[in-house]
């Protein structure tokens, strides 16, 4: 699933924001903090950890950068291929079209079903709904930050 928003800054400026995963906690309704592991940075193969909070639980997930193309695309996979999160930037009149995407990958579907047993599909639905509502909220927050200078 994905959503897009127009932001009145350049693709390069947006890339600098979203590739700084240490700021994700400012924008996401679920992710409260991220940090680079072992001094890594926004490059393919780099690892970072994210701390997520919902009313039911708090957890940390390790993520690996799978795309780092300045001004174009920044993406990562969660938990060794369980889920994909990404941002794409495309120049448009007066700024950039920013698209955020999420996908629960086959490994994640299998892992959640194994971990939660007969409630696995309900857990998958919860995560899908969190992404469906969280993506537009995150995009709006990134837009506010980017456009405020």
C-alpha atoms as a PDB file:
ATOM      1  CA  UNK A   1       0.000   0.000   0.000  1.00  0.00           C
ATOM      2  CA  UNK A   2       1.159   3.537  -0.633  1.00  0.00           C
ATOM      3  CA  UNK A   3       0.077   7.166  -0.486  1.00  0.00           C
ATOM      4  CA  UNK A   4       1.560  10.320  -1.946  1.00  0.00           C
ATOM      5  CA  UNK A   5       1.657  13.995  -1.034  1.00  0.00           C
ATOM      6  CA  UNK A   6       2.951  17.148  -2.711  1.00  0.00           C
ATOM      7  CA  UNK A   7       5.655  18.948  -0.759  1.00  0.00           C
ATOM      8  CA  UNK A   8       6.991  22.392  -1.682  1.00  0.00           C
ATOM      9  CA  UNK A   9      10.700  21.514  -1.399  1.00  0.00           C
ATOM     10  CA  UNK A  10      13.186  19.796  -3.698  1.00  0.00           C
ATOM     11  CA  UNK A  11      13.563  16.010  -3.938  1.00  0.00           C
ATOM     12  CA  UNK A  12      17.056  16.369  -2.468  1.00  0.00           C
ATOM     13  CA  UNK A  13      15.719  18.201   0.604  1.00  0.00           C
ATOM     14  CA  UNK A  14      13.062  15.537   1.165  1.00  0.00           C
ATOM     15  CA  UNK A  15      15.587  12.763   0.739  1.00  0.00           C
ATOM     16  CA  UNK A  16      17.796  14.340   3.413  1.00  0.00           C
ATOM     17  CA  UNK A  17      14.833  14.316   5.809  1.00  0.00           C
ATOM     18  CA  UNK A  18      13.580  10.762   5.263  1.00  0.00           C
ATOM     19  CA  UNK A  19      17.067   9.246   5.021  1.00  0.00           C
ATOM     20  CA  UNK A  20      17.782  10.602   8.510  1.00  0.00           C
ATOM     21  CA  UNK A  21      15.981   7.755  10.280  1.00  0.00           C
ATOM     22  CA  UNK A  22      16.791   9.335  13.650  1.00  0.00           C
ATOM     23  CA  UNK A  23      13.939  11.774  12.910  1.00  0.00           C
ATOM     24  CA  UNK A  24      11.264   9.156  12.148  1.00  0.00           C
ATOM     25  CA  UNK A  25       9.932   9.342  15.708  1.00  0.00           C
ATOM     26  CA  UNK A  26       8.921  12.964  15.019  1.00  0.00           C
ATOM     27  CA  UNK A  27       6.534  11.931  12.251  1.00  0.00           C
ATOM     28  CA  UNK A  28       5.253   8.370  12.665  1.00  0.00           C
ATOM     29  CA  UNK A  29       2.242   7.537  14.850  1.00  0.00           C
ATOM     30  CA  UNK A  30       3.846   4.185  15.827  1.00  0.00           C
ATOM     31  CA  UNK A  31       7.618   4.596  15.554  1.00  0.00           C
ATOM     32  CA  UNK A  32       8.874   6.639  18.500  1.00  0.00           C
ATOM     33  CA  UNK A  33      12.632   6.547  17.843  1.00  0.00           C
ATOM     34  CA  UNK A  34      15.275   5.175  15.478  1.00  0.00           C
ATOM     35  CA  UNK A  35      19.032   5.022  15.740  1.00  0.00           C
ATOM     36  CA  UNK A  36      21.822   3.854  13.478  1.00  0.00           C
ATOM     37  CA  UNK A  37      23.533   0.692  14.642  1.00  0.00           C
ATOM     38  CA  UNK A  38      27.317   0.825  14.997  1.00  0.00           C
ATOM     39  CA  UNK A  39      27.595   4.328  13.528  1.00  0.00           C
ATOM     40  CA  UNK A  40      26.072   3.346  10.185  1.00  0.00           C
ATOM     41  CA  UNK A  41      24.329   5.872   7.972  1.00  0.00           C
ATOM     42  CA  UNK A  42      21.927   6.083   5.059  1.00  0.00           C
ATOM     43  CA  UNK A  43      23.583   3.655   2.660  1.00  0.00           C
ATOM     44  CA  UNK A  44      22.515   0.310   1.236  1.00  0.00           C
ATOM     45  CA  UNK A  45      23.361  -2.452   3.687  1.00  0.00           C
ATOM     46  CA  UNK A  46      23.351  -0.183   6.763  1.00  0.00           C
ATOM     47  CA  UNK A  47      21.365  -1.295   9.825  1.00  0.00           C
ATOM     48  CA  UNK A  48      19.264   0.733  12.209  1.00  0.00           C
ATOM     49  CA  UNK A  49      16.880  -0.069  15.046  1.00  0.00           C
ATOM     50  CA  UNK A  50      13.416   1.389  15.497  1.00  0.00           C
ATOM     51  CA  UNK A  51      11.369   1.538  18.698  1.00  0.00           C
ATOM     52  CA  UNK A  52       7.626   1.251  18.141  1.00  0.00           C
ATOM     53  CA  UNK A  53       4.798   1.877  20.583  1.00  0.00           C
ATOM     54  CA  UNK A  54       1.112   0.974  20.389  1.00  0.00           C
ATOM     55  CA  UNK A  55      -1.437   0.822  23.206  1.00  0.00           C
ATOM     56  CA  UNK A  56      -0.883  -2.970  23.370  1.00  0.00           C
ATOM     57  CA  UNK A  57       2.907  -3.127  23.359  1.00  0.00           C
ATOM     58  CA  UNK A  58       6.339  -1.597  22.826  1.00  0.00           C
ATOM     59  CA  UNK A  59       8.947  -3.318  20.675  1.00  0.00           C
ATOM     60  CA  UNK A  60      12.169  -2.747  18.775  1.00  0.00           C
ATOM     61  CA  UNK A  61      12.886  -3.938  15.248  1.00  0.00           C
ATOM     62  CA  UNK A  62      16.136  -4.061  13.317  1.00  0.00           C
ATOM     63  CA  UNK A  63      15.979  -2.670   9.814  1.00  0.00           C
ATOM     64  CA  UNK A  64      18.355  -2.787   6.868  1.00  0.00           C
ATOM     65  CA  UNK A  65      18.578  -0.112   4.184  1.00  0.00           C
ATOM     66  CA  UNK A  66      17.809  -1.631   0.767  1.00  0.00           C
ATOM     67  CA  UNK A  67      17.699   1.567  -1.339  1.00  0.00           C
ATOM     68  CA  UNK A  68      19.567   4.844  -0.916  1.00  0.00           C
ATOM     69  CA  UNK A  69      19.353   6.988  -4.048  1.00  0.00           C
ATOM     70  CA  UNK A  70      19.659  10.674  -3.056  1.00  0.00           C
ATOM     71  CA  UNK A  71      16.756  12.729  -4.340  1.00  0.00           C
ATOM     72  CA  UNK A  72      14.941   9.629  -5.622  1.00  0.00           C
ATOM     73  CA  UNK A  73      14.416   6.767  -3.174  1.00  0.00           C
ATOM     74  CA  UNK A  74      15.140   5.592   0.355  1.00  0.00           C
ATOM     75  CA  UNK A  75      13.865   2.238   1.668  1.00  0.00           C
ATOM     76  CA  UNK A  76      14.470  -0.484   4.227  1.00  0.00           C
ATOM     77  CA  UNK A  77      13.349  -3.971   5.188  1.00  0.00           C
ATOM     78  CA  UNK A  78      12.308  -4.840   8.719  1.00  0.00           C
ATOM     79  CA  UNK A  79      13.355  -7.978  10.600  1.00  0.00           C
ATOM     80  CA  UNK A  80      15.364  -9.618   7.801  1.00  0.00           C
ATOM     81  CA  UNK A  81      12.680  -9.282   5.130  1.00  0.00           C
ATOM     82  CA  UNK A  82       9.411  -9.297   7.086  1.00  0.00           C
ATOM     83  CA  UNK A  83       8.246  -5.911   5.830  1.00  0.00           C
ATOM     84  CA  UNK A  84       9.275  -3.178   3.389  1.00  0.00           C
ATOM     85  CA  UNK A  85       9.049   0.574   4.023  1.00  0.00           C
ATOM     86  CA  UNK A  86      10.095   3.078   1.396  1.00  0.00           C
ATOM     87  CA  UNK A  87       9.963   6.653   0.202  1.00  0.00           C
ATOM     88  CA  UNK A  88      10.145   7.809  -3.395  1.00  0.00           C
ATOM     89  CA  UNK A  89      10.611  11.408  -4.510  1.00  0.00           C
ATOM     90  CA  UNK A  90       9.639  12.773  -7.916  1.00  0.00           C
ATOM     91  CA  UNK A  91      10.075  16.395  -8.942  1.00  0.00           C
ATOM     92  CA  UNK A  92       6.862  18.183  -9.866  1.00  0.00           C
ATOM     93  CA  UNK A  93       5.865  21.814 -10.365  1.00  0.00           C
ATOM     94  CA  UNK A  94       6.865  23.765  -7.306  1.00  0.00           C
ATOM     95  CA  UNK A  95       8.317  20.854  -5.372  1.00  0.00           C
ATOM     96  CA  UNK A  96       8.205  17.089  -5.000  1.00  0.00           C
ATOM     97  CA  UNK A  97       5.689  14.286  -5.032  1.00  0.00           C
ATOM     98  CA  UNK A  98       6.624  12.175  -1.983  1.00  0.00           C
ATOM     99  CA  UNK A  99       5.296   8.614  -1.893  1.00  0.00           C
ATOM    100  CA  UNK A 100       5.493   6.368   1.158  1.00  0.00           C
ATOM    101  CA  UNK A 101       5.001   2.617   0.653  1.00  0.00           C
ATOM    102  CA  UNK A 102       4.594  -0.361   2.958  1.00  0.00           C
ATOM    103  CA  UNK A 103       4.360  -4.057   2.197  1.00  0.00           C
ATOM    104  CA  UNK A 104       4.185  -7.046   4.489  1.00  0.00           C
ATOM    105  CA  UNK A 105       6.454  -9.500   2.692  1.00  0.00           C
ATOM    106  CA  UNK A 106       5.857 -13.282   2.469  1.00  0.00           C
ATOM    107  CA  UNK A 107       8.443 -13.924   5.207  1.00  0.00           C
ATOM    108  CA  UNK A 108       6.517 -11.551   7.482  1.00  0.00           C
ATOM    109  CA  UNK A 109       3.161 -13.162   6.757  1.00  0.00           C
ATOM    110  CA  UNK A 110       4.598 -16.598   7.563  1.00  0.00           C
ATOM    111  CA  UNK A 111       6.424 -15.287  10.629  1.00  0.00           C
ATOM    112  CA  UNK A 112       3.348 -13.597  12.091  1.00  0.00           C
ATOM    113  CA  UNK A 113       1.205 -16.669  11.499  1.00  0.00           C
ATOM    114  CA  UNK A 114       3.827 -18.827  13.196  1.00  0.00           C
ATOM    115  CA  UNK A 115       4.315 -16.413  16.108  1.00  0.00           C
ATOM    116  CA  UNK A 116       0.603 -15.762  16.777  1.00  0.00           C
ATOM    117  CA  UNK A 117      -0.931 -19.072  15.692  1.00  0.00           C
ATOM    118  CA  UNK A 118      -4.672 -18.886  15.161  1.00  0.00           C
ATOM    119  CA  UNK A 119      -4.681 -15.105  15.748  1.00  0.00           C
ATOM    120  CA  UNK A 120      -1.942 -14.563  13.142  1.00  0.00           C
ATOM    121  CA  UNK A 121      -4.322 -13.240  10.486  1.00  0.00           C
ATOM    122  CA  UNK A 122      -5.773 -10.767  12.999  1.00  0.00           C
ATOM    123  CA  UNK A 123      -2.219  -9.551  13.735  1.00  0.00           C
ATOM    124  CA  UNK A 124      -1.599  -9.151  10.011  1.00  0.00           C
ATOM    125  CA  UNK A 125      -4.814  -7.133   9.713  1.00  0.00           C
ATOM    126  CA  UNK A 126      -3.744  -4.902  12.645  1.00  0.00           C
ATOM    127  CA  UNK A 127      -0.415  -4.150  11.020  1.00  0.00           C
ATOM    128  CA  UNK A 128      -2.067  -3.462   7.666  1.00  0.00           C
ATOM    129  CA  UNK A 129      -4.514  -1.055   9.285  1.00  0.00           C
ATOM    130  CA  UNK A 130      -1.713   0.678  11.188  1.00  0.00           C
ATOM    131  CA  UNK A 131       0.118   1.247   7.891  1.00  0.00           C
ATOM    132  CA  UNK A 132      -3.070   2.344   6.103  1.00  0.00           C
ATOM    133  CA  UNK A 133      -3.786   5.033   8.695  1.00  0.00           C
ATOM    134  CA  UNK A 134      -0.170   5.782   9.589  1.00  0.00           C
ATOM    135  CA  UNK A 135       1.157   6.495   6.106  1.00  0.00           C
ATOM    136  CA  UNK A 136      -0.992   9.607   5.482  1.00  0.00           C
ATOM    137  CA  UNK A 137      -0.293  10.882   9.007  1.00  0.00           C
ATOM    138  CA  UNK A 138       3.449  10.393   8.535  1.00  0.00           C
ATOM    139  CA  UNK A 139       3.413  12.092   5.126  1.00  0.00           C
ATOM    140  CA  UNK A 140       1.545  15.108   6.529  1.00  0.00           C
ATOM    141  CA  UNK A 141       4.072  15.401   9.364  1.00  0.00           C
ATOM    142  CA  UNK A 142       7.036  15.178   6.981  1.00  0.00           C
ATOM    143  CA  UNK A 143       5.412  17.842   4.771  1.00  0.00           C
ATOM    144  CA  UNK A 144       4.961  20.192   7.753  1.00  0.00           C
ATOM    145  CA  UNK A 145       8.584  19.720   8.794  1.00  0.00           C
ATOM    146  CA  UNK A 146       9.956  20.142   5.261  1.00  0.00           C
ATOM    147  CA  UNK A 147       7.916  23.218   4.434  1.00  0.00           C
ATOM    148  CA  UNK A 148       8.602  24.947   7.748  1.00  0.00           C
ATOM    149  CA  UNK A 149      12.245  25.172   6.783  1.00  0.00           C
END
